[in-house]
Amino acid sequence: MNGTTALDGVLHRAYAVRAGPVHGSEADGEIRVDFADPAEWAAFRAAVAVESLPGFDCMCGGDVRFEMLDRRGERLAVVFLHHGETLRWEQWDGDAVLRDGRLLLDWLAGHGMTGPLREFEADRQRAAERSEEERGWLAAMPAGLEESADRILALSRTGGRPSPELLSELTDRLRSAFPDPVQRVLALLDWYGSGSGRCSGYPVHEGVPGELLGSVAIADLLAALADPRAGERHDSGAVRHLVGWKTRPDQKRDVAGLPEPLRARLLALARRSGDTDKRGRAERWLAPSRA
């Protein structure tokens, strides 16, 4: 019994459904809805309607547990909601994609279990923000590297660092596109100053320009930051690079040798950023010594 309508057959024998959080941590607690009202049964049936069975399994245990109960309160089936999009049932070969996952989340919220809908909407918002950051990061990618964009973005899916071969290839392309070292460093700083802008907890692909900056001579980095073309996003890239974790072979010496006006400029930018992690790092690396 693994068709998309199999669960519907169980529902025709159900007299109630009991739902609760899988991990027992949701403040909403458990709910029970009886199907004495035909409209209530029809609403739940529509909410758990399945569109397809693509054959994949989510790696997590699910967010909400639904128990279909018969007239005596015995369980007919137990299914698990995953991320507001799929259902898992032992009778299926893989997780089922809901026809309208939002409908089931709204059904839960309408019966007092609002947490799953709130979390779903928060996840959607975070995903939209990540997409916007990625678009900005891609738009700032230096000319000549576009052919490598997919390979670089794939690093965030695999979790791996860029290979020496990829970094060497990108370096060669940058040198070809920007023969002038100052212009080349400006392009990298602008790129590194885009995207999330975070110094930690950022997508893996955003670290690529930082890796490339790590092999740039400090003299070239300083020359680029002193160039009239250097703007706030270049400074943002410099802050991210100079106060990050082990970003340069001689990071401590390089930061200690920054001209005081530049140090103050970068510190002021970090303080204005609203990023507490970045500000804390900048205070440790760039603030004047109190000794």
C-alpha atoms as a PDB file:
ATOM      1  CA  MET A   1       0.000   0.000   0.000  1.00  0.00           C
ATOM      2  CA  ASN A   2       2.186   2.874  -1.213  1.00  0.00           C
ATOM      3  CA  GLY A   3       0.002   4.983  -3.510  1.00  0.00           C
ATOM      4  CA  THR A   4      -0.697   8.657  -3.024  1.00  0.00           C
ATOM      5  CA  THR A   5      -4.301   7.889  -1.989  1.00  0.00           C
ATOM      6  CA  ALA A   6      -3.423   5.182   0.553  1.00  0.00           C
ATOM      7  CA  LEU A   7      -3.620   7.516   3.550  1.00  0.00           C
ATOM      8  CA  ASP A   8      -6.996   8.740   2.358  1.00  0.00           C
ATOM      9  CA  GLY A   9      -8.273   5.181   2.756  1.00  0.00           C
ATOM     10  CA  VAL A  10      -7.182   5.214   6.404  1.00  0.00           C
ATOM     11  CA  LEU A  11      -8.886   8.548   6.975  1.00  0.00           C
ATOM     12  CA  HIS A  12     -12.220   7.087   5.887  1.00  0.00           C
ATOM     13  CA  ARG A  13     -12.011   4.861   8.982  1.00  0.00           C
ATOM     14  CA  ALA A  14     -10.728   7.578  11.344  1.00  0.00           C
ATOM     15  CA  TYR A  15     -12.839   9.212  14.036  1.00  0.00           C
ATOM     16  CA  ALA A  16     -10.203  11.563  15.414  1.00  0.00           C
ATOM     17  CA  VAL A  17      -6.644  12.759  14.973  1.00  0.00           C
ATOM     18  CA  ARG A  18      -4.147  13.522  17.708  1.00  0.00           C
ATOM     19  CA  ALA A  19      -1.174  15.786  16.887  1.00  0.00           C
ATOM     20  CA  GLY A  20       1.859  16.808  18.876  1.00  0.00           C
ATOM     21  CA  PRO A  21       5.485  17.835  18.533  1.00  0.00           C
ATOM     22  CA  VAL A  22       7.899  15.050  17.681  1.00  0.00           C
ATOM     23  CA  HIS A  23      10.515  16.150  20.222  1.00  0.00           C
ATOM     24  CA  GLY A  24       8.149  17.340  22.917  1.00  0.00           C
ATOM     25  CA  SER A  25       9.682  20.819  23.044  1.00  0.00           C
ATOM     26  CA  GLU A  26       6.938  22.829  21.303  1.00  0.00           C
ATOM     27  CA  ALA A  27       5.098  25.118  23.731  1.00  0.00           C
ATOM     28  CA  ASP A  28       1.822  24.519  21.877  1.00  0.00           C
ATOM     29  CA  GLY A  29       1.644  21.004  23.286  1.00  0.00           C
ATOM     30  CA  GLU A  30      -0.630  18.248  21.974  1.00  0.00           C
ATOM     31  CA  ILE A  31      -4.037  18.676  20.351  1.00  0.00           C
ATOM     32  CA  ARG A  32      -6.887  16.282  19.557  1.00  0.00           C
ATOM     33  CA  VAL A  33      -9.563  16.932  16.974  1.00  0.00           C
ATOM     34  CA  ASP A  34     -12.648  14.723  16.668  1.00  0.00           C
ATOM     35  CA  PHE A  35     -14.310  14.194  13.314  1.00  0.00           C
ATOM     36  CA  ALA A  36     -17.911  14.232  14.518  1.00  0.00           C
ATOM     37  CA  ASP A  37     -18.362  17.294  12.335  1.00  0.00           C
ATOM     38  CA  PRO A  38     -18.020  16.182   8.676  1.00  0.00           C
ATOM     39  CA  ALA A  39     -16.574  19.587   7.788  1.00  0.00           C
ATOM     40  CA  GLU A  40     -13.739  19.021  10.279  1.00  0.00           C
ATOM     41  CA  TRP A  41     -12.921  15.667   8.709  1.00  0.00           C
ATOM     42  CA  ALA A  42     -13.027  17.136   5.210  1.00  0.00           C
ATOM     43  CA  ALA A  43     -10.724  19.992   6.189  1.00  0.00           C
ATOM     44  CA  PHE A  44      -8.106  17.638   7.625  1.00  0.00           C
ATOM     45  CA  ARG A  45      -8.404  15.276   4.678  1.00  0.00           C
ATOM     46  CA  ALA A  46      -7.715  18.166   2.290  1.00  0.00           C
ATOM     47  CA  ALA A  47      -4.784  19.332   4.431  1.00  0.00           C
ATOM     48  CA  VAL A  48      -2.978  15.961   4.245  1.00  0.00           C
ATOM     49  CA  ALA A  49      -3.681  15.328   0.550  1.00  0.00           C
ATOM     50  CA  VAL A  50      -0.572  13.940  -1.163  1.00  0.00           C
ATOM     51  CA  GLU A  51       0.685  15.152  -4.503  1.00  0.00           C
ATOM     52  CA  SER A  52       3.526  12.733  -5.205  1.00  0.00           C
ATOM     53  CA  LEU A  53       5.858  10.078  -3.832  1.00  0.00           C
ATOM     54  CA  PRO A  54       9.280  10.953  -5.273  1.00  0.00           C
ATOM     55  CA  GLY A  55      11.050   8.300  -3.195  1.00  0.00           C
ATOM     56  CA  PHE A  56      13.379  10.445  -1.076  1.00  0.00           C
ATOM     57  CA  ASP A  57      13.655  10.584   2.709  1.00  0.00           C
ATOM     58  CA  CYS A  58      14.338  13.660   4.825  1.00  0.00           C
ATOM     59  CA  MET A  59      17.262  13.086   7.189  1.00  0.00           C
ATOM     60  CA  CYS A  60      15.443  14.429  10.275  1.00  0.00           C
ATOM     61  CA  GLY A  61      12.732  12.795  12.376  1.00  0.00           C
ATOM     62  CA  GLY A  62      10.043  15.310  11.555  1.00  0.00           C
ATOM     63  CA  ASP A  63       8.396  18.197  13.369  1.00  0.00           C
ATOM     64  CA  VAL A  64       4.803  17.094  14.104  1.00  0.00           C
ATOM     65  CA  ARG A  65       3.360  13.628  14.789  1.00  0.00           C
ATOM     66  CA  PHE A  66      -0.204  12.826  13.664  1.00  0.00           C
ATOM     67  CA  GLU A  67      -2.029   9.770  15.033  1.00  0.00           C
ATOM     68  CA  MET A  68      -5.196   8.707  13.208  1.00  0.00           C
ATOM     69  CA  LEU A  69      -7.574   7.089  15.722  1.00  0.00           C
ATOM     70  CA  ASP A  70     -10.524   4.759  15.238  1.00  0.00           C
ATOM     71  CA  ARG A  71     -13.825   4.785  17.151  1.00  0.00           C
ATOM     72  CA  ARG A  72     -12.228   3.036  20.155  1.00  0.00           C
ATOM     73  CA  GLY A  73      -9.242   5.366  20.233  1.00  0.00           C
ATOM     74  CA  GLU A  74      -6.896   2.782  18.724  1.00  0.00           C
ATOM     75  CA  ARG A  75      -4.229   4.034  16.326  1.00  0.00           C
ATOM     76  CA  LEU A  76      -4.859   3.398  12.663  1.00  0.00           C
ATOM     77  CA  ALA A  77      -1.742   5.158  11.414  1.00  0.00           C
ATOM     78  CA  VAL A  78       1.025   7.514  12.543  1.00  0.00           C
ATOM     79  CA  VAL A  79       2.479  10.040  10.119  1.00  0.00           C
ATOM     80  CA  PHE A  80       5.103  12.737  10.591  1.00  0.00           C
ATOM     81  CA  LEU A  81       5.193  16.204   9.087  1.00  0.00           C
ATOM     82  CA  HIS A  82       8.583  17.395   7.819  1.00  0.00           C
ATOM     83  CA  HIS A  83       9.277  21.109   7.339  1.00  0.00           C
ATOM     84  CA  GLY A  84       5.697  21.901   6.347  1.00  0.00           C
ATOM     85  CA  GLU A  85       6.212  20.121   3.013  1.00  0.00           C
ATOM     86  CA  THR A  86       6.282  16.324   3.298  1.00  0.00           C
ATOM     87  CA  LEU A  87       4.710  13.480   5.278  1.00  0.00           C
ATOM     88  CA  ARG A  88       6.362  10.251   6.398  1.00  0.00           C
ATOM     89  CA  TRP A  89       4.373   7.069   6.883  1.00  0.00           C
ATOM     90  CA  GLU A  90       5.786   3.573   7.209  1.00  0.00           C
ATOM     91  CA  GLN A  91       3.502   2.347   4.437  1.00  0.00           C
ATOM     92  CA  TRP A  92       5.180   4.618   1.873  1.00  0.00           C
ATOM     93  CA  ASP A  93       8.445   4.063   0.070  1.00  0.00           C
ATOM     94  CA  GLY A  94       9.927   7.431   0.969  1.00  0.00           C
ATOM     95  CA  ASP A  95       8.382  10.701   2.106  1.00  0.00           C
ATOM     96  CA  ALA A  96       5.268  12.033   0.384  1.00  0.00           C
ATOM     97  CA  VAL A  97       5.077  15.575  -0.934  1.00  0.00           C
ATOM     98  CA  LEU A  98       1.967  17.371   0.265  1.00  0.00           C
ATOM     99  CA  ARG A  99      -0.329  18.969  -2.279  1.00  0.00           C
ATOM    100  CA  ASP A 100      -0.414  22.119  -0.135  1.00  0.00           C
ATOM    101  CA  GLY A 101       1.770  22.017   2.964  1.00  0.00           C
ATOM    102  CA  ARG A 102       0.673  25.457   4.056  1.00  0.00           C
ATOM    103  CA  LEU A 103      -2.887  24.140   4.330  1.00  0.00           C
ATOM    104  CA  LEU A 104      -1.821  21.624   6.981  1.00  0.00           C
ATOM    105  CA  LEU A 105       0.149  24.265   8.882  1.00  0.00           C
ATOM    106  CA  ASP A 106      -2.873  26.560   8.826  1.00  0.00           C
ATOM    107  CA  TRP A 107      -5.045  23.675  10.055  1.00  0.00           C
ATOM    108  CA  LEU A 108      -2.712  23.135  13.011  1.00  0.00           C
ATOM    109  CA  ALA A 109      -2.641  26.850  13.793  1.00  0.00           C
ATOM    110  CA  GLY A 110      -6.435  27.005  13.607  1.00  0.00           C
ATOM    111  CA  HIS A 111      -6.581  24.374  16.343  1.00  0.00           C
ATOM    112  CA  GLY A 112      -4.145  26.161  18.621  1.00  0.00           C
ATOM    113  CA  MET A 113      -0.835  24.634  17.520  1.00  0.00           C
ATOM    114  CA  THR A 114       0.799  27.713  16.009  1.00  0.00           C
ATOM    115  CA  GLY A 115       4.467  26.811  16.436  1.00  0.00           C
ATOM    116  CA  PRO A 116       4.939  24.826  13.190  1.00  0.00           C
ATOM    117  CA  LEU A 117       3.488  27.673  11.114  1.00  0.00           C
ATOM    118  CA  ARG A 118       5.692  30.239  12.866  1.00  0.00           C
ATOM    119  CA  GLU A 119       8.790  28.111  12.289  1.00  0.00           C
ATOM    120  CA  PHE A 120       7.852  27.525   8.657  1.00  0.00           C
ATOM    121  CA  GLU A 121       7.451  31.240   8.045  1.00  0.00           C
ATOM    122  CA  ALA A 122      10.744  31.958   9.828  1.00  0.00           C
ATOM    123  CA  ASP A 123      12.480  29.353   7.652  1.00  0.00           C
ATOM    124  CA  ARG A 124      10.990  30.932   4.542  1.00  0.00           C
ATOM    125  CA  GLN A 125      12.228  34.349   5.639  1.00  0.00           C
ATOM    126  CA  ARG A 126      15.725  33.009   6.330  1.00  0.00           C
ATOM    127  CA  ALA A 127      15.777  31.287   2.939  1.00  0.00           C
ATOM    128  CA  ALA A 128      14.722  34.505   1.210  1.00  0.00           C
ATOM    129  CA  GLU A 129      17.481  36.401   3.008  1.00  0.00           C
ATOM    130  CA  ARG A 130      20.055  33.777   2.004  1.00  0.00           C
ATOM    131  CA  SER A 131      18.904  33.974  -1.612  1.00  0.00           C
ATOM    132  CA  GLU A 132      19.211  37.752  -1.568  1.00  0.00           C
ATOM    133  CA  GLU A 133      22.695  37.523  -0.075  1.00  0.00           C
ATOM    134  CA  GLU A 134      23.708  34.984  -2.713  1.00  0.00           C
ATOM    135  CA  ARG A 135      22.433  37.191  -5.527  1.00  0.00           C
ATOM    136  CA  GLY A 136      24.431  40.126  -4.176  1.00  0.00           C
ATOM    137  CA  TRP A 137      27.512  37.955  -3.789  1.00  0.00           C
ATOM    138  CA  LEU A 138      27.238  36.687  -7.367  1.00  0.00           C
ATOM    139  CA  ALA A 139      26.703  40.218  -8.678  1.00  0.00           C
ATOM    140  CA  ALA A 140      29.955  41.280  -6.993  1.00  0.00           C
ATOM    141  CA  MET A 141      31.967  38.371  -8.394  1.00  0.00           C
ATOM    142  CA  PRO A 142      34.961  39.774 -10.334  1.00  0.00           C
ATOM    143  CA  ALA A 143      34.875  39.630 -14.107  1.00  0.00           C
ATOM    144  CA  GLY A 144      36.455  36.504 -15.516  1.00  0.00           C
ATOM    145  CA  LEU A 145      35.271  34.146 -12.758  1.00  0.00           C
ATOM    146  CA  GLU A 146      31.690  33.619 -13.930  1.00  0.00           C
ATOM    147  CA  GLU A 147      32.449  30.192 -15.423  1.00  0.00           C
ATOM    148  CA  SER A 148      33.463  28.947 -11.973  1.00  0.00           C
ATOM    149  CA  ALA A 149      30.372  30.264 -10.153  1.00  0.00           C
ATOM    150  CA  ASP A 150      28.578  26.904  -9.974  1.00  0.00           C
ATOM    151  CA  ARG A 151      31.682  25.118  -8.672  1.00  0.00           C
ATOM    152  CA  ILE A 152      32.159  27.752  -5.999  1.00  0.00           C
ATOM    153  CA  LEU A 153      28.506  27.721  -4.918  1.00  0.00           C
ATOM    154  CA  ALA A 154      28.650  23.921  -4.709  1.00  0.00           C
ATOM    155  CA  LEU A 155      31.083  24.257  -1.800  1.00  0.00           C
ATOM    156  CA  SER A 156      28.184  25.299   0.426  1.00  0.00           C
ATOM    157  CA  ARG A 157      26.362  22.073  -0.429  1.00  0.00           C
ATOM    158  CA  THR A 158      29.353  19.811   0.184  1.00  0.00           C
ATOM    159  CA  GLY A 159      30.813  21.756   3.089  1.00  0.00           C
ATOM    160  CA  GLY A 160      34.324  21.426   1.690  1.00  0.00           C
ATOM    161  CA  ARG A 161      36.982  24.081   1.337  1.00  0.00           C
ATOM    162  CA  PRO A 162      38.049  25.173  -2.144  1.00  0.00           C
ATOM    163  CA  SER A 163      40.745  22.923  -3.546  1.00  0.00           C
ATOM    164  CA  PRO A 164      44.234  24.258  -4.288  1.00  0.00           C
ATOM    165  CA  GLU A 165      43.496  23.598  -7.961  1.00  0.00           C
ATOM    166  CA  LEU A 166      40.367  25.765  -7.894  1.00  0.00           C
ATOM    167  CA  LEU A 167      42.159  28.580  -6.053  1.00  0.00           C
ATOM    168  CA  SER A 168      45.036  28.437  -8.527  1.00  0.00           C
ATOM    169  CA  GLU A 169      42.615  28.579 -11.443  1.00  0.00           C
ATOM    170  CA  LEU A 170      40.782  31.557  -9.952  1.00  0.00           C
ATOM    171  CA  THR A 171      44.068  33.346  -9.271  1.00  0.00           C
ATOM    172  CA  ASP A 172      45.164  32.909 -12.883  1.00  0.00           C
ATOM    173  CA  ARG A 173      41.853  34.219 -14.175  1.00  0.00           C
ATOM    174  CA  LEU A 174      41.998  37.229 -11.880  1.00  0.00           C
ATOM    175  CA  ARG A 175      45.494  38.098 -13.041  1.00  0.00           C
ATOM    176  CA  SER A 176      44.341  37.879 -16.631  1.00  0.00           C
ATOM    177  CA  ALA A 177      41.246  40.014 -16.030  1.00  0.00           C
ATOM    178  CA  PHE A 178      43.016  42.505 -13.715  1.00  0.00           C
ATOM    179  CA  PRO A 179      46.713  42.852 -14.604  1.00  0.00           C
ATOM    180  CA  ASP A 180      47.061  45.748 -12.155  1.00  0.00           C
ATOM    181  CA  PRO A 181      47.480  44.291  -8.615  1.00  0.00           C
ATOM    182  CA  VAL A 182      45.651  47.186  -6.929  1.00  0.00           C
ATOM    183  CA  GLN A 183      42.635  46.809  -9.183  1.00  0.00           C
ATOM    184  CA  ARG A 184      42.746  43.052  -8.615  1.00  0.00           C
ATOM    185  CA  VAL A 185      42.729  43.458  -4.833  1.00  0.00           C
ATOM    186  CA  LEU A 186      39.923  46.013  -5.034  1.00  0.00           C
ATOM    187  CA  ALA A 187      37.846  43.480  -6.970  1.00  0.00           C
ATOM    188  CA  LEU A 188      38.479  40.823  -4.297  1.00  0.00           C
ATOM    189  CA  LEU A 189      37.718  43.193  -1.422  1.00  0.00           C
ATOM    190  CA  ASP A 190      34.483  44.286  -3.067  1.00  0.00           C
ATOM    191  CA  TRP A 191      33.524  40.638  -3.530  1.00  0.00           C
ATOM    192  CA  TYR A 192      34.398  39.705   0.047  1.00  0.00           C
ATOM    193  CA  GLY A 193      32.450  42.693   1.323  1.00  0.00           C
ATOM    194  CA  SER A 194      29.260  41.395  -0.325  1.00  0.00           C
ATOM    195  CA  GLY A 195      26.915  38.552   0.579  1.00  0.00           C
ATOM    196  CA  SER A 196      26.210  38.033   4.276  1.00  0.00           C
ATOM    197  CA  GLY A 197      29.249  40.073   5.319  1.00  0.00           C
ATOM    198  CA  ARG A 198      29.663  37.912   8.420  1.00  0.00           C
ATOM    199  CA  CYS A 199      33.024  36.931   9.878  1.00  0.00           C
ATOM    200  CA  SER A 200      31.707  33.540  11.012  1.00  0.00           C
ATOM    201  CA  GLY A 201      28.722  31.340  10.283  1.00  0.00           C
ATOM    202  CA  TYR A 202      28.582  32.367   6.628  1.00  0.00           C
ATOM    203  CA  PRO A 203      27.986  30.048   3.638  1.00  0.00           C
ATOM    204  CA  VAL A 204      31.161  28.186   2.674  1.00  0.00           C
ATOM    205  CA  HIS A 205      31.261  29.677  -0.818  1.00  0.00           C
ATOM    206  CA  GLU A 206      31.606  33.177   0.632  1.00  0.00           C
ATOM    207  CA  GLY A 207      35.017  32.227   1.994  1.00  0.00           C
ATOM    208  CA  VAL A 208      36.575  31.889  -1.466  1.00  0.00           C
ATOM    209  CA  PRO A 209      37.525  35.568  -1.902  1.00  0.00           C
ATOM    210  CA  GLY A 210      38.956  35.464   1.623  1.00  0.00           C
ATOM    211  CA  GLU A 211      41.148  32.510   0.647  1.00  0.00           C
ATOM    212  CA  LEU A 212      42.361  34.437  -2.384  1.00  0.00           C
ATOM    213  CA  LEU A 213      43.057  37.544  -0.298  1.00  0.00           C
ATOM    214  CA  GLY A 214      45.112  35.435   2.066  1.00  0.00           C
ATOM    215  CA  SER A 215      47.786  35.053  -0.592  1.00  0.00           C
ATOM    216  CA  VAL A 216      47.841  38.768  -1.449  1.00  0.00           C
ATOM    217  CA  ALA A 217      50.891  40.673  -0.240  1.00  0.00           C
ATOM    218  CA  ILE A 218      50.052  43.059   2.591  1.00  0.00           C
ATOM    219  CA  ALA A 219      51.618  45.900   0.592  1.00  0.00           C
ATOM    220  CA  ASP A 220      49.127  45.326  -2.226  1.00  0.00           C
ATOM    221  CA  LEU A 221      46.254  45.139   0.252  1.00  0.00           C
ATOM    222  CA  LEU A 222      47.268  48.446   1.823  1.00  0.00           C
ATOM    223  CA  ALA A 223      47.722  50.062  -1.574  1.00  0.00           C
ATOM    224  CA  ALA A 224      44.211  49.026  -2.587  1.00  0.00           C
ATOM    225  CA  LEU A 225      42.682  50.389   0.628  1.00  0.00           C
ATOM    226  CA  ALA A 226      44.537  53.676   0.108  1.00  0.00           C
ATOM    227  CA  ASP A 227      43.272  53.964  -3.464  1.00  0.00           C
ATOM    228  CA  PRO A 228      40.614  56.655  -4.085  1.00  0.00           C
ATOM    229  CA  ARG A 229      38.360  53.984  -5.584  1.00  0.00           C
ATOM    230  CA  ALA A 230      38.112  52.141  -2.250  1.00  0.00           C
ATOM    231  CA  GLY A 231      34.663  52.533  -0.758  1.00  0.00           C
ATOM    232  CA  GLU A 232      32.674  51.154   2.144  1.00  0.00           C
ATOM    233  CA  ARG A 233      32.209  47.698   0.669  1.00  0.00           C
ATOM    234  CA  HIS A 234      35.946  47.395   0.078  1.00  0.00           C
ATOM    235  CA  ASP A 235      36.447  48.350   3.722  1.00  0.00           C
ATOM    236  CA  SER A 236      33.840  45.762   4.712  1.00  0.00           C
ATOM    237  CA  GLY A 237      35.779  43.123   2.834  1.00  0.00           C
ATOM    238  CA  ALA A 238      38.987  44.259   4.539  1.00  0.00           C
ATOM    239  CA  VAL A 239      37.421  44.054   8.000  1.00  0.00           C
ATOM    240  CA  ARG A 240      36.072  40.604   7.267  1.00  0.00           C
ATOM    241  CA  HIS A 241      39.481  39.495   6.049  1.00  0.00           C
ATOM    242  CA  LEU A 242      41.717  41.080   8.671  1.00  0.00           C
ATOM    243  CA  VAL A 243      39.730  40.155  11.799  1.00  0.00           C
ATOM    244  CA  GLY A 244      38.598  36.681  10.682  1.00  0.00           C
ATOM    245  CA  TRP A 245      39.992  33.373  11.936  1.00  0.00           C
ATOM    246  CA  LYS A 246      43.545  32.701  10.643  1.00  0.00           C
ATOM    247  CA  THR A 247      42.955  34.504   7.363  1.00  0.00           C
ATOM    248  CA  ARG A 248      46.611  35.390   6.644  1.00  0.00           C
ATOM    249  CA  PRO A 249      49.905  33.549   7.171  1.00  0.00           C
ATOM    250  CA  ASP A 250      51.246  36.511   9.194  1.00  0.00           C
ATOM    251  CA  GLN A 251      47.926  37.958  10.283  1.00  0.00           C
ATOM    252  CA  LYS A 252      49.035  39.314  13.651  1.00  0.00           C
ATOM    253  CA  ARG A 253      52.032  41.122  12.164  1.00  0.00           C
ATOM    254  CA  ASP A 254      50.040  42.413   9.197  1.00  0.00           C
ATOM    255  CA  VAL A 255      47.258  43.841  11.359  1.00  0.00           C
ATOM    256  CA  ALA A 256      49.769  45.350  13.790  1.00  0.00           C
ATOM    257  CA  GLY A 257      51.377  47.172  10.880  1.00  0.00           C
ATOM    258  CA  LEU A 258      48.188  48.836   9.628  1.00  0.00           C
ATOM    259  CA  PRO A 259      48.430  52.648   9.435  1.00  0.00           C
ATOM    260  CA  GLU A 260      46.507  54.195  12.314  1.00  0.00           C
ATOM    261  CA  PRO A 261      44.062  56.148  10.085  1.00  0.00           C
ATOM    262  CA  LEU A 262      43.169  52.937   8.243  1.00  0.00           C
ATOM    263  CA  ARG A 263      42.848  51.003  11.487  1.00  0.00           C
ATOM    264  CA  ALA A 264      40.465  53.649  12.846  1.00  0.00           C
ATOM    265  CA  ARG A 265      38.472  53.692   9.607  1.00  0.00           C
ATOM    266  CA  LEU A 266      37.967  49.937   9.614  1.00  0.00           C
ATOM    267  CA  LEU A 267      37.148  49.839  13.319  1.00  0.00           C
ATOM    268  CA  ALA A 268      34.526  52.560  12.894  1.00  0.00           C
ATOM    269  CA  LEU A 269      32.892  50.610  10.076  1.00  0.00           C
ATOM    270  CA  ALA A 270      32.768  47.426  12.180  1.00  0.00           C
ATOM    271  CA  ARG A 271      31.194  49.359  15.063  1.00  0.00           C
ATOM    272  CA  ARG A 272      28.505  50.729  12.730  1.00  0.00           C
ATOM    273  CA  SER A 273      27.732  47.348  11.179  1.00  0.00           C
ATOM    274  CA  GLY A 274      25.285  46.138  13.836  1.00  0.00           C
ATOM    275  CA  ASP A 275      27.031  42.743  13.732  1.00  0.00           C
ATOM    276  CA  THR A 276      28.056  41.992  17.316  1.00  0.00           C
ATOM    277  CA  ASP A 277      30.441  39.203  16.299  1.00  0.00           C
ATOM    278  CA  LYS A 278      32.202  41.410  13.757  1.00  0.00           C
ATOM    279  CA  ARG A 279      32.364  44.305  16.193  1.00  0.00           C
ATOM    280  CA  GLY A 280      33.838  42.097  18.919  1.00  0.00           C
ATOM    281  CA  ARG A 281      36.503  40.754  16.578  1.00  0.00           C
ATOM    282  CA  ALA A 282      37.330  44.243  15.344  1.00  0.00           C
ATOM    283  CA  GLU A 283      37.674  45.533  18.907  1.00  0.00           C
ATOM    284  CA  ARG A 284      40.166  42.777  19.689  1.00  0.00           C
ATOM    285  CA  TRP A 285      42.189  43.205  16.497  1.00  0.00           C
ATOM    286  CA  LEU A 286      41.910  46.885  15.638  1.00  0.00           C
ATOM    287  CA  ALA A 287      41.184  48.890  18.786  1.00  0.00           C
ATOM    288  CA  PRO A 288      44.115  50.842  20.261  1.00  0.00           C
ATOM    289  CA  SER A 289      45.971  49.000  22.990  1.00  0.00           C
ATOM    290  CA  ARG A 290      45.053  50.082  26.524  1.00  0.00           C
ATOM    291  CA  ALA A 291      48.442  49.083  27.864  1.00  0.00           C
END
